[in-house]
Amino acid sequence: MAEKKDSMKCTSCGKLVVADRNWVEFRCPGCGKEKIIRCDSCKRLENSYRCKCGFEGP
């Protein structure tokens, strides 16, 4: 269970999103393989994120 909880961090800021209500999870638009997690704050502020494949998004 600890492994799952640790993997539930915002890709942009690293915040744990488990208790957050408005976070999202999706596959990288660039490679389609890596999981991207965004907390509500980073979504609203349009903070950038970077996938391991090099894709960068808002």
C-alpha atoms as a PDB file:
ATOM      1  CA  MET A   1       0.000   0.000   0.000  1.00  0.00           C
ATOM      2  CA  ALA A   2       2.877   2.406   0.725  1.00  0.00           C
ATOM      3  CA  GLU A   3       4.088   2.081  -2.859  1.00  0.00           C
ATOM      4  CA  LYS A   4       0.672   3.106  -4.223  1.00  0.00           C
ATOM      5  CA  LYS A   5       0.443   6.038  -1.804  1.00  0.00           C
ATOM      6  CA  ASP A   6       3.932   7.282  -2.745  1.00  0.00           C
ATOM      7  CA  SER A   7       3.033   7.160  -6.429  1.00  0.00           C
ATOM      8  CA  MET A   8       0.054   9.469  -5.856  1.00  0.00           C
ATOM      9  CA  LYS A   9       2.110  12.663  -5.976  1.00  0.00           C
ATOM     10  CA  CYS A  10       1.544  15.630  -8.258  1.00  0.00           C
ATOM     11  CA  THR A  11       3.979  15.458 -11.165  1.00  0.00           C
ATOM     12  CA  SER A  12       4.516  19.241 -11.004  1.00  0.00           C
ATOM     13  CA  CYS A  13       4.932  20.011  -7.295  1.00  0.00           C
ATOM     14  CA  GLY A  14       5.277  16.620  -5.610  1.00  0.00           C
ATOM     15  CA  LYS A  15       2.315  17.143  -3.264  1.00  0.00           C
ATOM     16  CA  LEU A  16       0.471  14.001  -2.142  1.00  0.00           C
ATOM     17  CA  VAL A  17      -2.954  14.106  -3.773  1.00  0.00           C
ATOM     18  CA  VAL A  18      -4.612  11.234  -1.894  1.00  0.00           C
ATOM     19  CA  ALA A  19      -6.682  13.580   0.306  1.00  0.00           C
ATOM     20  CA  ASP A  20      -7.185  16.182  -2.442  1.00  0.00           C
ATOM     21  CA  ARG A  21     -10.617  16.269  -4.096  1.00  0.00           C
ATOM     22  CA  ASN A  22      -9.887  17.723  -7.519  1.00  0.00           C
ATOM     23  CA  TRP A  23      -6.761  16.008  -8.773  1.00  0.00           C
ATOM     24  CA  VAL A  24      -6.488  14.271 -12.141  1.00  0.00           C
ATOM     25  CA  GLU A  25      -4.522  11.335 -13.504  1.00  0.00           C
ATOM     26  CA  PHE A  26      -3.868  10.739 -17.199  1.00  0.00           C
ATOM     27  CA  ARG A  27      -1.328   9.177 -19.541  1.00  0.00           C
ATOM     28  CA  CYS A  28       1.381  11.369 -21.016  1.00  0.00           C
ATOM     29  CA  PRO A  29       0.170  12.945 -24.288  1.00  0.00           C
ATOM     30  CA  GLY A  30       3.665  12.457 -25.721  1.00  0.00           C
ATOM     31  CA  CYS A  31       4.418   8.789 -25.100  1.00  0.00           C
ATOM     32  CA  GLY A  32       1.127   7.453 -23.759  1.00  0.00           C
ATOM     33  CA  LYS A  33       3.008   5.307 -21.251  1.00  0.00           C
ATOM     34  CA  GLU A  34       3.799   7.347 -18.169  1.00  0.00           C
ATOM     35  CA  LYS A  35       1.172   8.393 -15.635  1.00  0.00           C
ATOM     36  CA  ILE A  36       0.815  12.144 -15.037  1.00  0.00           C
ATOM     37  CA  ILE A  37      -0.868  13.316 -11.828  1.00  0.00           C
ATOM     38  CA  ARG A  38      -1.911  16.932 -11.335  1.00  0.00           C
ATOM     39  CA  CYS A  39      -3.133  18.484  -8.077  1.00  0.00           C
ATOM     40  CA  ASP A  40      -5.899  21.071  -8.153  1.00  0.00           C
ATOM     41  CA  SER A  41      -3.506  23.934  -7.439  1.00  0.00           C
ATOM     42  CA  CYS A  42      -1.109  23.091 -10.286  1.00  0.00           C
ATOM     43  CA  LYS A  43      -4.039  22.662 -12.684  1.00  0.00           C
ATOM     44  CA  ARG A  44      -5.459  26.089 -11.788  1.00  0.00           C
ATOM     45  CA  LEU A  45      -2.045  27.804 -11.957  1.00  0.00           C
ATOM     46  CA  GLU A  46      -1.153  25.924 -15.167  1.00  0.00           C
ATOM     47  CA  ASN A  47       2.180  24.843 -13.684  1.00  0.00           C
ATOM     48  CA  SER A  48       4.283  22.882 -16.132  1.00  0.00           C
ATOM     49  CA  TYR A  49       5.098  19.191 -15.812  1.00  0.00           C
ATOM     50  CA  ARG A  50       7.662  17.018 -17.535  1.00  0.00           C
ATOM     51  CA  CYS A  51       7.339  13.353 -18.426  1.00  0.00           C
ATOM     52  CA  LYS A  52      10.279  10.955 -18.387  1.00  0.00           C
ATOM     53  CA  CYS A  53      10.042  10.879 -22.203  1.00  0.00           C
ATOM     54  CA  GLY A  54      10.769  14.627 -22.320  1.00  0.00           C
ATOM     55  CA  PHE A  55       7.251  15.845 -23.100  1.00  0.00           C
ATOM     56  CA  GLU A  56       6.431  19.043 -21.242  1.00  0.00           C
ATOM     57  CA  GLY A  57       2.928  20.362 -20.726  1.00  0.00           C
ATOM     58  CA  PRO A  58       1.088  23.135 -18.928  1.00  0.00           C
END
